[in-house]
Amino acid sequence: MLYSRWQVVLMIIKIAPQRRDDEFVVEKNGMALKINGDTFDFSPMQEGGTLPRSAIACEWIWDDVSFDGGQLIVCLILPVPANYSPEQAYPADLTDVPDGIIQFPKALPLIETA
């Protein structure tokens, strides 16, 4: 069954933290994610389907994308800076992600040394 853009699909984003200082901006629009300017549209996926990681040209997606039970599950690498927070080091899954820029856990404030 193909889901049309007007149907509600629950997106779950699983996060794998990785120590790196890269820019990381992710925007959700329905069943599509724009990651650092590149759009990945998962709307053609059918219920029960899996898109292998090897078929996705994106360094930020670290596992297969699956669509099961009305849930689209995407696993993303989260770059964490040297001043990472506990929420970044041990992130919870993001569930029922709304459309728009995705808010990921924030880093701790930088501590200035004299």
PDB file of N, CA and C in Angstrom:
ATOM      1  N   MET A   1       0.843  -1.180   0.000  1.00  0.00           N
ATOM      2  CA  MET A   1       0.000   0.000   0.000  1.00  0.00           C
ATOM      3  C   MET A   1       0.887   1.243   0.000  1.00  0.00           C
ATOM      4  N   LEU A   2       0.692   2.100  -0.950  1.00  0.00           N
ATOM      5  CA  LEU A   2       1.411   3.372  -0.982  1.00  0.00           C
ATOM      6  C   LEU A   2       0.660   4.385  -0.133  1.00  0.00           C
ATOM      7  N   TYR A   3       1.398   5.143   0.643  1.00  0.00           N
ATOM      8  CA  TYR A   3       0.803   6.195   1.453  1.00  0.00           C
ATOM      9  C   TYR A   3       0.880   7.487   0.674  1.00  0.00           C
ATOM     10  N   SER A   4      -0.228   8.202   0.618  1.00  0.00           N
ATOM     11  CA  SER A   4      -0.198   9.503  -0.053  1.00  0.00           C
ATOM     12  C   SER A   4       0.289  10.554   0.935  1.00  0.00           C
ATOM     13  N   ARG A   5       0.653  11.698   0.431  1.00  0.00           N
ATOM     14  CA  ARG A   5       1.240  12.749   1.265  1.00  0.00           C
ATOM     15  C   ARG A   5       0.291  13.248   2.347  1.00  0.00           C
ATOM     16  N   TRP A   6      -1.011  13.097   2.175  1.00  0.00           N
ATOM     17  CA  TRP A   6      -1.948  13.607   3.169  1.00  0.00           C
ATOM     18  C   TRP A   6      -2.194  12.622   4.299  1.00  0.00           C
ATOM     19  N   GLN A   7      -1.777  11.399   4.168  1.00  0.00           N
ATOM     20  CA  GLN A   7      -1.981  10.425   5.230  1.00  0.00           C
ATOM     21  C   GLN A   7      -0.932  10.608   6.319  1.00  0.00           C
ATOM     22  N   VAL A   8      -1.351  10.360   7.548  1.00  0.00           N
ATOM     23  CA  VAL A   8      -0.453  10.530   8.685  1.00  0.00           C
ATOM     24  C   VAL A   8       0.441   9.305   8.815  1.00  0.00           C
ATOM     25  N   VAL A   9       1.723   9.548   8.808  1.00  0.00           N
ATOM     26  CA  VAL A   9       2.719   8.504   9.019  1.00  0.00           C
ATOM     27  C   VAL A   9       3.581   8.963  10.179  1.00  0.00           C
ATOM     28  N   LEU A  10       3.761   8.110  11.149  1.00  0.00           N
ATOM     29  CA  LEU A  10       4.591   8.433  12.302  1.00  0.00           C
ATOM     30  C   LEU A  10       6.048   8.200  11.930  1.00  0.00           C
ATOM     31  N   MET A  11       6.870   9.256  12.041  1.00  0.00           N
ATOM     32  CA  MET A  11       8.299   9.103  11.769  1.00  0.00           C
ATOM     33  C   MET A  11       9.037   8.973  13.091  1.00  0.00           C
ATOM     34  N   ILE A  12       9.859   7.957  13.175  1.00  0.00           N
ATOM     35  CA  ILE A  12      10.713   7.746  14.338  1.00  0.00           C
ATOM     36  C   ILE A  12      12.158   7.882  13.863  1.00  0.00           C
ATOM     37  N   ILE A  13      12.911   8.733  14.557  1.00  0.00           N
ATOM     38  CA  ILE A  13      14.320   8.908  14.215  1.00  0.00           C
ATOM     39  C   ILE A  13      15.163   8.357  15.351  1.00  0.00           C
ATOM     40  N   LYS A  14      15.930   7.334  15.036  1.00  0.00           N
ATOM     41  CA  LYS A  14      16.874   6.764  15.993  1.00  0.00           C
ATOM     42  C   LYS A  14      18.206   7.471  15.780  1.00  0.00           C
ATOM     43  N   ILE A  15      18.886   7.783  16.876  1.00  0.00           N
ATOM     44  CA  ILE A  15      20.094   8.602  16.795  1.00  0.00           C
ATOM     45  C   ILE A  15      21.311   7.822  17.274  1.00  0.00           C
ATOM     46  N   ALA A  16      22.370   7.883  16.467  1.00  0.00           N
ATOM     47  CA  ALA A  16      23.658   7.298  16.838  1.00  0.00           C
ATOM     48  C   ALA A  16      24.657   8.446  16.963  1.00  0.00           C
ATOM     49  N   PRO A  17      25.052   8.801  18.189  1.00  0.00           N
ATOM     50  CA  PRO A  17      26.001   9.903  18.350  1.00  0.00           C
ATOM     51  C   PRO A  17      27.388   9.516  17.846  1.00  0.00           C
ATOM     52  N   GLN A  18      28.054  10.489  17.259  1.00  0.00           N
ATOM     53  CA  GLN A  18      29.411  10.272  16.764  1.00  0.00           C
ATOM     54  C   GLN A  18      30.194  11.562  16.973  1.00  0.00           C
ATOM     55  N   ARG A  19      31.355  11.451  17.582  1.00  0.00           N
ATOM     56  CA  ARG A  19      32.181  12.627  17.877  1.00  0.00           C
ATOM     57  C   ARG A  19      32.721  13.212  16.577  1.00  0.00           C
ATOM     58  N   ARG A  20      32.175  14.350  16.191  1.00  0.00           N
ATOM     59  CA  ARG A  20      32.613  15.083  15.012  1.00  0.00           C
ATOM     60  C   ARG A  20      32.034  16.487  15.058  1.00  0.00           C
ATOM     61  N   ASP A  21      32.629  17.395  14.329  1.00  0.00           N
ATOM     62  CA  ASP A  21      32.241  18.802  14.382  1.00  0.00           C
ATOM     63  C   ASP A  21      31.526  19.272  13.118  1.00  0.00           C
ATOM     64  N   ASP A  22      30.912  18.362  12.401  1.00  0.00           N
ATOM     65  CA  ASP A  22      30.247  18.706  11.145  1.00  0.00           C
ATOM     66  C   ASP A  22      28.982  19.530  11.363  1.00  0.00           C
ATOM     67  N   GLU A  23      28.638  20.287  10.336  1.00  0.00           N
ATOM     68  CA  GLU A  23      27.347  20.967  10.269  1.00  0.00           C
ATOM     69  C   GLU A  23      26.281  19.892  10.092  1.00  0.00           C
ATOM     70  N   PHE A  24      25.127  20.064  10.763  1.00  0.00           N
ATOM     71  CA  PHE A  24      24.081  19.050  10.670  1.00  0.00           C
ATOM     72  C   PHE A  24      22.729  19.725  10.826  1.00  0.00           C
ATOM     73  N   VAL A  25      22.024  19.853   9.702  1.00  0.00           N
ATOM     74  CA  VAL A  25      20.688  20.441   9.708  1.00  0.00           C
ATOM     75  C   VAL A  25      19.764  19.454   9.013  1.00  0.00           C
ATOM     76  N   VAL A  26      18.692  19.080   9.704  1.00  0.00           N
ATOM     77  CA  VAL A  26      17.740  18.123   9.152  1.00  0.00           C
ATOM     78  C   VAL A  26      16.350  18.747   9.200  1.00  0.00           C
ATOM     79  N   GLU A  27      15.662  18.684   8.068  1.00  0.00           N
ATOM     80  CA  GLU A  27      14.297  19.194   7.989  1.00  0.00           C
ATOM     81  C   GLU A  27      13.391  18.072   7.511  1.00  0.00           C
ATOM     82  N   LYS A  28      12.250  17.911   8.186  1.00  0.00           N
ATOM     83  CA  LYS A  28      11.272  16.885   7.805  1.00  0.00           C
ATOM     84  C   LYS A  28      10.122  17.548   7.062  1.00  0.00           C
ATOM     85  N   ASN A  29       9.681  16.891   5.993  1.00  0.00           N
ATOM     86  CA  ASN A  29       8.501  17.321   5.261  1.00  0.00           C
ATOM     87  C   ASN A  29       7.756  16.065   4.841  1.00  0.00           C
ATOM     88  N   GLY A  30       6.746  15.682   5.618  1.00  0.00           N
ATOM     89  CA  GLY A  30       6.019  14.448   5.343  1.00  0.00           C
ATOM     90  C   GLY A  30       6.928  13.252   5.530  1.00  0.00           C
ATOM     91  N   MET A  31       7.113  12.481   4.462  1.00  0.00           N
ATOM     92  CA  MET A  31       7.982  11.306   4.516  1.00  0.00           C
ATOM     93  C   MET A  31       9.349  11.588   3.904  1.00  0.00           C
ATOM     94  N   ALA A  32       9.710  12.863   3.818  1.00  0.00           N
ATOM     95  CA  ALA A  32      11.010  13.237   3.258  1.00  0.00           C
ATOM     96  C   ALA A  32      11.849  13.928   4.323  1.00  0.00           C
ATOM     97  N   LEU A  33      13.151  13.701   4.246  1.00  0.00           N
ATOM     98  CA  LEU A  33      14.105  14.397   5.103  1.00  0.00           C
ATOM     99  C   LEU A  33      15.083  15.147   4.215  1.00  0.00           C
ATOM    100  N   LYS A  34      15.327  16.400   4.559  1.00  0.00           N
ATOM    101  CA  LYS A  34      16.377  17.174   3.902  1.00  0.00           C
ATOM    102  C   LYS A  34      17.520  17.236   4.898  1.00  0.00           C
ATOM    103  N   ILE A  35      18.639  16.615   4.543  1.00  0.00           N
ATOM    104  CA  ILE A  35      19.799  16.529   5.425  1.00  0.00           C
ATOM    105  C   ILE A  35      20.926  17.344   4.808  1.00  0.00           C
ATOM    106  N   ASN A  36      21.277  18.432   5.479  1.00  0.00           N
ATOM    107  CA  ASN A  36      22.320  19.334   4.971  1.00  0.00           C
ATOM    108  C   ASN A  36      22.099  19.699   3.501  1.00  0.00           C
ATOM    109  N   GLY A  37      20.839  19.945   3.146  1.00  0.00           N
ATOM    110  CA  GLY A  37      20.505  20.397   1.795  1.00  0.00           C
ATOM    111  C   GLY A  37      20.147  19.311   0.806  1.00  0.00           C
ATOM    112  N   ASP A  38      20.413  18.046   1.123  1.00  0.00           N
ATOM    113  CA  ASP A  38      20.080  16.932   0.232  1.00  0.00           C
ATOM    114  C   ASP A  38      18.777  16.287   0.691  1.00  0.00           C
ATOM    115  N   THR A  39      17.824  16.133  -0.238  1.00  0.00           N
ATOM    116  CA  THR A  39      16.510  15.591   0.107  1.00  0.00           C
ATOM    117  C   THR A  39      16.452  14.088  -0.153  1.00  0.00           C
ATOM    118  N   PHE A  40      15.895  13.378   0.819  1.00  0.00           N
ATOM    119  CA  PHE A  40      15.695  11.932   0.734  1.00  0.00           C
ATOM    120  C   PHE A  40      14.209  11.683   0.957  1.00  0.00           C
ATOM    121  N   ASP A  41      13.510  11.314  -0.124  1.00  0.00           N
ATOM    122  CA  ASP A  41      12.059  11.145  -0.096  1.00  0.00           C
ATOM    123  C   ASP A  41      11.733   9.662   0.052  1.00  0.00           C
ATOM    124  N   PHE A  42      11.114   9.317   1.167  1.00  0.00           N
ATOM    125  CA  PHE A  42      10.782   7.922   1.444  1.00  0.00           C
ATOM    126  C   PHE A  42       9.320   7.607   1.146  1.00  0.00           C
ATOM    127  N   SER A  43       8.581   8.557   0.535  1.00  0.00           N
ATOM    128  CA  SER A  43       7.156   8.347   0.278  1.00  0.00           C
ATOM    129  C   SER A  43       6.858   7.182  -0.676  1.00  0.00           C
ATOM    130  N   PRO A  44       7.760   6.796  -1.587  1.00  0.00           N
ATOM    131  CA  PRO A  44       7.455   5.624  -2.416  1.00  0.00           C
ATOM    132  C   PRO A  44       7.490   4.291  -1.646  1.00  0.00           C
ATOM    133  N   MET A  45       7.998   4.301  -0.418  1.00  0.00           N
ATOM    134  CA  MET A  45       8.083   3.045   0.337  1.00  0.00           C
ATOM    135  C   MET A  45       6.695   2.497   0.628  1.00  0.00           C
ATOM    136  N   GLN A  46       6.576   1.192   0.570  1.00  0.00           N
ATOM    137  CA  GLN A  46       5.316   0.526   0.862  1.00  0.00           C
ATOM    138  C   GLN A  46       5.341  -0.044   2.271  1.00  0.00           C
ATOM    139  N   GLU A  47       4.166  -0.183   2.837  1.00  0.00           N
ATOM    140  CA  GLU A  47       4.013  -0.772   4.164  1.00  0.00           C
ATOM    141  C   GLU A  47       4.742  -2.113   4.211  1.00  0.00           C
ATOM    142  N   GLY A  48       5.560  -2.315   5.250  1.00  0.00           N
ATOM    143  CA  GLY A  48       6.328  -3.543   5.409  1.00  0.00           C
ATOM    144  C   GLY A  48       7.650  -3.527   4.662  1.00  0.00           C
ATOM    145  N   GLY A  49       7.940  -2.432   3.979  1.00  0.00           N
ATOM    146  CA  GLY A  49       9.147  -2.353   3.165  1.00  0.00           C
ATOM    147  C   GLY A  49      10.377  -1.909   3.934  1.00  0.00           C
ATOM    148  N   THR A  50      11.520  -2.273   3.381  1.00  0.00           N
ATOM    149  CA  THR A  50      12.813  -1.866   3.930  1.00  0.00           C
ATOM    150  C   THR A  50      13.681  -1.363   2.783  1.00  0.00           C
ATOM    151  N   LEU A  51      14.286  -0.207   3.000  1.00  0.00           N
ATOM    152  CA  LEU A  51      15.231   0.349   2.039  1.00  0.00           C
ATOM    153  C   LEU A  51      16.625   0.126   2.609  1.00  0.00           C
ATOM    154  N   PRO A  52      17.441  -0.710   1.966  1.00  0.00           N
ATOM    155  CA  PRO A  52      18.762  -1.012   2.519  1.00  0.00           C
ATOM    156  C   PRO A  52      19.650   0.230   2.595  1.00  0.00           C
ATOM    157  N   ARG A  53      20.439   0.294   3.618  1.00  0.00           N
ATOM    158  CA  ARG A  53      21.387   1.397   3.808  1.00  0.00           C
ATOM    159  C   ARG A  53      22.268   1.564   2.570  1.00  0.00           C
ATOM    160  N   SER A  54      22.634   0.455   1.965  1.00  0.00           N
ATOM    161  CA  SER A  54      23.518   0.497   0.795  1.00  0.00           C
ATOM    162  C   SER A  54      22.875   1.185  -0.410  1.00  0.00           C
ATOM    163  N   ALA A  55      21.550   1.340  -0.402  1.00  0.00           N
ATOM    164  CA  ALA A  55      20.845   1.989  -1.510  1.00  0.00           C
ATOM    165  C   ALA A  55      20.656   3.486  -1.277  1.00  0.00           C
ATOM    166  N   ILE A  56      21.143   3.993  -0.147  1.00  0.00           N
ATOM    167  CA  ILE A  56      20.948   5.397   0.211  1.00  0.00           C
ATOM    168  C   ILE A  56      22.302   6.102   0.199  1.00  0.00           C
ATOM    169  N   ALA A  57      22.434   7.092  -0.656  1.00  0.00           N
ATOM    170  CA  ALA A  57      23.700   7.828  -0.779  1.00  0.00           C
ATOM    171  C   ALA A  57      23.731   8.976   0.227  1.00  0.00           C
ATOM    172  N   CYS A  58      23.866   8.606   1.507  1.00  0.00           N
ATOM    173  CA  CYS A  58      23.894   9.618   2.562  1.00  0.00           C
ATOM    174  C   CYS A  58      24.747   9.113   3.713  1.00  0.00           C
ATOM    175  N   GLU A  59      25.805   9.856   4.034  1.00  0.00           N
ATOM    176  CA  GLU A  59      26.689   9.445   5.127  1.00  0.00           C
ATOM    177  C   GLU A  59      26.017   9.539   6.493  1.00  0.00           C
ATOM    178  N   TRP A  60      24.913  10.272   6.596  1.00  0.00           N
ATOM    179  CA  TRP A  60      24.253  10.496   7.887  1.00  0.00           C
ATOM    180  C   TRP A  60      23.240   9.410   8.233  1.00  0.00           C
ATOM    181  N   ILE A  61      22.805   8.635   7.253  1.00  0.00           N
ATOM    182  CA  ILE A  61      21.873   7.533   7.520  1.00  0.00           C
ATOM    183  C   ILE A  61      22.720   6.292   7.745  1.00  0.00           C
ATOM    184  N   TRP A  62      22.611   5.707   8.954  1.00  0.00           N
ATOM    185  CA  TRP A  62      23.546   4.633   9.320  1.00  0.00           C
ATOM    186  C   TRP A  62      22.950   3.235   9.307  1.00  0.00           C
ATOM    187  N   ASP A  63      21.661   3.105   8.980  1.00  0.00           N
ATOM    188  CA  ASP A  63      21.052   1.775   8.962  1.00  0.00           C
ATOM    189  C   ASP A  63      19.938   1.773   7.916  1.00  0.00           C
ATOM    190  N   ASP A  64      19.370   0.586   7.688  1.00  0.00           N
ATOM    191  CA  ASP A  64      18.247   0.473   6.765  1.00  0.00           C
ATOM    192  C   ASP A  64      17.101   1.370   7.229  1.00  0.00           C
ATOM    193  N   VAL A  65      16.308   1.852   6.276  1.00  0.00           N
ATOM    194  CA  VAL A  65      15.088   2.601   6.583  1.00  0.00           C
ATOM    195  C   VAL A  65      13.938   1.615   6.440  1.00  0.00           C
ATOM    196  N   SER A  66      13.071   1.568   7.441  1.00  0.00           N
ATOM    197  CA  SER A  66      11.956   0.626   7.385  1.00  0.00           C
ATOM    198  C   SER A  66      10.630   1.361   7.545  1.00  0.00           C
ATOM    199  N   PHE A  67       9.599   0.756   6.981  1.00  0.00           N
ATOM    200  CA  PHE A  67       8.252   1.317   7.058  1.00  0.00           C
ATOM    201  C   PHE A  67       7.323   0.181   7.441  1.00  0.00           C
ATOM    202  N   ASP A  68       6.885   0.177   8.694  1.00  0.00           N
ATOM    203  CA  ASP A  68       6.092  -0.931   9.210  1.00  0.00           C
ATOM    204  C   ASP A  68       5.066  -0.403  10.202  1.00  0.00           C
ATOM    205  N   GLY A  69       3.829  -0.837  10.055  1.00  0.00           N
ATOM    206  CA  GLY A  69       2.779  -0.431  10.977  1.00  0.00           C
ATOM    207  C   GLY A  69       2.510   1.069  10.961  1.00  0.00           C
ATOM    208  N   GLY A  70       2.689   1.699   9.810  1.00  0.00           N
ATOM    209  CA  GLY A  70       2.486   3.141   9.713  1.00  0.00           C
ATOM    210  C   GLY A  70       3.613   3.957  10.313  1.00  0.00           C
ATOM    211  N   GLN A  71       4.712   3.289  10.656  1.00  0.00           N
ATOM    212  CA  GLN A  71       5.870   3.975  11.240  1.00  0.00           C
ATOM    213  C   GLN A  71       7.050   3.910  10.274  1.00  0.00           C
ATOM    214  N   LEU A  72       7.579   5.090   9.954  1.00  0.00           N
ATOM    215  CA  LEU A  72       8.788   5.184   9.150  1.00  0.00           C
ATOM    216  C   LEU A  72       9.947   5.353  10.118  1.00  0.00           C
ATOM    217  N   ILE A  73      10.889   4.417  10.099  1.00  0.00           N
ATOM    218  CA  ILE A  73      12.005   4.443  11.044  1.00  0.00           C
ATOM    219  C   ILE A  73      13.295   4.726  10.286  1.00  0.00           C
ATOM    220  N   VAL A  74      13.922   5.852  10.665  1.00  0.00           N
ATOM    221  CA  VAL A  74      15.159   6.303  10.037  1.00  0.00           C
ATOM    222  C   VAL A  74      16.219   6.432  11.127  1.00  0.00           C
ATOM    223  N   CYS A  75      17.398   5.912  10.872  1.00  0.00           N
ATOM    224  CA  CYS A  75      18.499   5.960  11.842  1.00  0.00           C
ATOM    225  C   CYS A  75      19.545   6.953  11.339  1.00  0.00           C
ATOM    226  N   LEU A  76      19.780   8.011  12.126  1.00  0.00           N
ATOM    227  CA  LEU A  76      20.712   9.059  11.727  1.00  0.00           C
ATOM    228  C   LEU A  76      21.913   9.132  12.654  1.00  0.00           C
ATOM    229  N   ILE A  77      23.058   9.465  12.085  1.00  0.00           N
ATOM    230  CA  ILE A  77      24.244   9.792  12.883  1.00  0.00           C
ATOM    231  C   ILE A  77      24.083  11.230  13.356  1.00  0.00           C
ATOM    232  N   LEU A  78      24.313  11.468  14.635  1.00  0.00           N
ATOM    233  CA  LEU A  78      24.271  12.815  15.196  1.00  0.00           C
ATOM    234  C   LEU A  78      25.692  13.242  15.522  1.00  0.00           C
ATOM    235  N   PRO A  79      26.212  14.257  14.822  1.00  0.00           N
ATOM    236  CA  PRO A  79      27.559  14.725  15.163  1.00  0.00           C
ATOM    237  C   PRO A  79      27.529  15.432  16.518  1.00  0.00           C
ATOM    238  N   VAL A  80      28.426  15.039  17.403  1.00  0.00           N
ATOM    239  CA  VAL A  80      28.473  15.671  18.724  1.00  0.00           C
ATOM    240  C   VAL A  80      29.835  16.332  18.919  1.00  0.00           C
ATOM    241  N   PRO A  81      29.825  17.563  19.434  1.00  0.00           N
ATOM    242  CA  PRO A  81      31.073  18.301  19.628  1.00  0.00           C
ATOM    243  C   PRO A  81      31.795  17.841  20.885  1.00  0.00           C
ATOM    244  N   ALA A  82      32.970  18.392  21.114  1.00  0.00           N
ATOM    245  CA  ALA A  82      33.766  18.035  22.295  1.00  0.00           C
ATOM    246  C   ALA A  82      33.025  18.361  23.590  1.00  0.00           C
ATOM    247  N   ASN A  83      32.185  19.387  23.576  1.00  0.00           N
ATOM    248  CA  ASN A  83      31.419  19.778  24.767  1.00  0.00           C
ATOM    249  C   ASN A  83      30.012  19.164  24.737  1.00  0.00           C
ATOM    250  N   TYR A  84      29.941  17.896  24.353  1.00  0.00           N
ATOM    251  CA  TYR A  84      28.641  17.229  24.225  1.00  0.00           C
ATOM    252  C   TYR A  84      27.932  17.110  25.572  1.00  0.00           C
ATOM    253  N   SER A  85      26.613  17.064  25.488  1.00  0.00           N
ATOM    254  CA  SER A  85      25.773  16.926  26.680  1.00  0.00           C
ATOM    255  C   SER A  85      25.427  15.455  26.886  1.00  0.00           C
ATOM    256  N   PRO A  86      24.949  15.081  28.078  1.00  0.00           N
ATOM    257  CA  PRO A  86      24.493  13.706  28.290  1.00  0.00           C
ATOM    258  C   PRO A  86      23.362  13.327  27.324  1.00  0.00           C
ATOM    259  N   GLU A  87      22.521  14.303  26.978  1.00  0.00           N
ATOM    260  CA  GLU A  87      21.422  14.037  26.046  1.00  0.00           C
ATOM    261  C   GLU A  87      21.945  13.720  24.646  1.00  0.00           C
ATOM    262  N   GLN A  88      23.088  14.281  24.292  1.00  0.00           N
ATOM    263  CA  GLN A  88      23.704  13.960  23.004  1.00  0.00           C
ATOM    264  C   GLN A  88      24.429  12.618  23.061  1.00  0.00           C
ATOM    265  N   ALA A  89      25.064  12.337  24.176  1.00  0.00           N
ATOM    266  CA  ALA A  89      25.828  11.093  24.314  1.00  0.00           C
ATOM    267  C   ALA A  89      24.916   9.870  24.385  1.00  0.00           C
ATOM    268  N   TYR A  90      23.746  10.040  25.016  1.00  0.00           N
ATOM    269  CA  TYR A  90      22.789   8.938  25.192  1.00  0.00           C
ATOM    270  C   TYR A  90      21.414   9.404  24.733  1.00  0.00           C
ATOM    271  N   PRO A  91      21.251   9.672  23.442  1.00  0.00           N
ATOM    272  CA  PRO A  91      20.007  10.277  22.966  1.00  0.00           C
ATOM    273  C   PRO A  91      18.836   9.303  22.955  1.00  0.00           C
ATOM    274  N   ALA A  92      17.673   9.854  23.242  1.00  0.00           N
ATOM    275  CA  ALA A  92      16.432   9.099  23.115  1.00  0.00           C
ATOM    276  C   ALA A  92      15.978   9.169  21.659  1.00  0.00           C
ATOM    277  N   ASP A  93      15.208   8.172  21.236  1.00  0.00           N
ATOM    278  CA  ASP A  93      14.621   8.223  19.900  1.00  0.00           C
ATOM    279  C   ASP A  93      13.709   9.442  19.807  1.00  0.00           C
ATOM    280  N   LEU A  94      13.653  10.043  18.634  1.00  0.00           N
ATOM    281  CA  LEU A  94      12.705  11.126  18.386  1.00  0.00           C
ATOM    282  C   LEU A  94      11.469  10.484  17.772  1.00  0.00           C
ATOM    283  N   THR A  95      10.332  10.641  18.430  1.00  0.00           N
ATOM    284  CA  THR A  95       9.107  10.007  17.962  1.00  0.00           C
ATOM    285  C   THR A  95       8.091  11.066  17.566  1.00  0.00           C
ATOM    286  N   ASP A  96       7.241  10.718  16.616  1.00  0.00           N
ATOM    287  CA  ASP A  96       6.202  11.621  16.123  1.00  0.00           C
ATOM    288  C   ASP A  96       6.807  12.971  15.744  1.00  0.00           C
ATOM    289  N   VAL A  97       7.845  12.926  14.943  1.00  0.00           N
ATOM    290  CA  VAL A  97       8.591  14.119  14.549  1.00  0.00           C
ATOM    291  C   VAL A  97       7.707  14.997  13.654  1.00  0.00           C
ATOM    292  N   PRO A  98       7.478  16.259  14.047  1.00  0.00           N
ATOM    293  CA  PRO A  98       6.656  17.146  13.214  1.00  0.00           C
ATOM    294  C   PRO A  98       7.449  17.664  12.013  1.00  0.00           C
ATOM    295  N   ASP A  99       6.729  18.167  11.023  1.00  0.00           N
ATOM    296  CA  ASP A  99       7.388  18.793   9.879  1.00  0.00           C
ATOM    297  C   ASP A  99       8.141  20.036  10.335  1.00  0.00           C
ATOM    298  N   GLY A 100       9.237  20.320   9.656  1.00  0.00           N
ATOM    299  CA  GLY A 100      10.054  21.485   9.975  1.00  0.00           C
ATOM    300  C   GLY A 100      11.464  21.064  10.343  1.00  0.00           C
ATOM    301  N   ILE A 101      12.252  22.040  10.792  1.00  0.00           N
ATOM    302  CA  ILE A 101      13.626  21.774  11.225  1.00  0.00           C
ATOM    303  C   ILE A 101      13.580  20.906  12.483  1.00  0.00           C
ATOM    304  N   ILE A 102      14.323  19.815  12.481  1.00  0.00           N
ATOM    305  CA  ILE A 102      14.327  18.899  13.629  1.00  0.00           C
ATOM    306  C   ILE A 102      15.278  19.426  14.690  1.00  0.00           C
ATOM    307  N   GLN A 103      14.794  19.453  15.911  1.00  0.00           N
ATOM    308  CA  GLN A 103      15.597  19.918  17.042  1.00  0.00           C
ATOM    309  C   GLN A 103      16.251  18.708  17.710  1.00  0.00           C
ATOM    310  N   PHE A 104      17.560  18.647  17.627  1.00  0.00           N
ATOM    311  CA  PHE A 104      18.325  17.581  18.260  1.00  0.00           C
ATOM    312  C   PHE A 104      18.841  18.075  19.605  1.00  0.00           C
ATOM    313  N   PRO A 105      19.274  17.172  20.486  1.00  0.00           N
ATOM    314  CA  PRO A 105      19.831  17.606  21.778  1.00  0.00           C
ATOM    315  C   PRO A 105      20.983  18.585  21.574  1.00  0.00           C
ATOM    316  N   LYS A 106      21.058  19.554  22.462  1.00  0.00           N
ATOM    317  CA  LYS A 106      22.069  20.615  22.368  1.00  0.00           C
ATOM    318  C   LYS A 106      23.307  20.274  23.190  1.00  0.00           C
ATOM    319  N   ALA A 107      24.421  20.884  22.803  1.00  0.00           N
ATOM    320  CA  ALA A 107      25.694  20.719  23.516  1.00  0.00           C
ATOM    321  C   ALA A 107      25.696  21.544  24.798  1.00  0.00           C
ATOM    322  N   LEU A 108      26.624  21.216  25.681  1.00  0.00           N
ATOM    323  CA  LEU A 108      26.832  22.015  26.884  1.00  0.00           C
ATOM    324  C   LEU A 108      27.508  23.328  26.497  1.00  0.00           C
ATOM    325  N   PRO A 109      27.342  24.370  27.322  1.00  0.00           N
ATOM    326  CA  PRO A 109      28.049  25.625  27.027  1.00  0.00           C
ATOM    327  C   PRO A 109      29.560  25.400  27.058  1.00  0.00           C
ATOM    328  N   LEU A 110      30.259  26.133  26.207  1.00  0.00           N
ATOM    329  CA  LEU A 110      31.723  26.068  26.211  1.00  0.00           C
ATOM    330  C   LEU A 110      32.255  26.728  27.472  1.00  0.00           C
ATOM    331  N   ILE A 111      33.240  26.108  28.084  1.00  0.00           N
ATOM    332  CA  ILE A 111      33.867  26.666  29.284  1.00  0.00           C
ATOM    333  C   ILE A 111      35.179  27.306  28.863  1.00  0.00           C
ATOM    334  N   GLU A 112      35.295  28.580  29.158  1.00  0.00           N
ATOM    335  CA  GLU A 112      36.515  29.321  28.806  1.00  0.00           C
ATOM    336  C   GLU A 112      37.577  29.053  29.864  1.00  0.00           C
ATOM    337  N   THR A 113      38.786  28.773  29.423  1.00  0.00           N
ATOM    338  CA  THR A 113      39.896  28.585  30.361  1.00  0.00           C
ATOM    339  C   THR A 113      40.849  29.764  30.231  1.00  0.00           C
ATOM    340  N   ALA A 114      41.400  30.162  31.358  1.00  0.00           N
ATOM    341  CA  ALA A 114      42.287  31.338  31.354  1.00  0.00           C
ATOM    342  C   ALA A 114      43.693  30.979  30.970  1.00  0.00           C
TER     343      ALA A 114
END
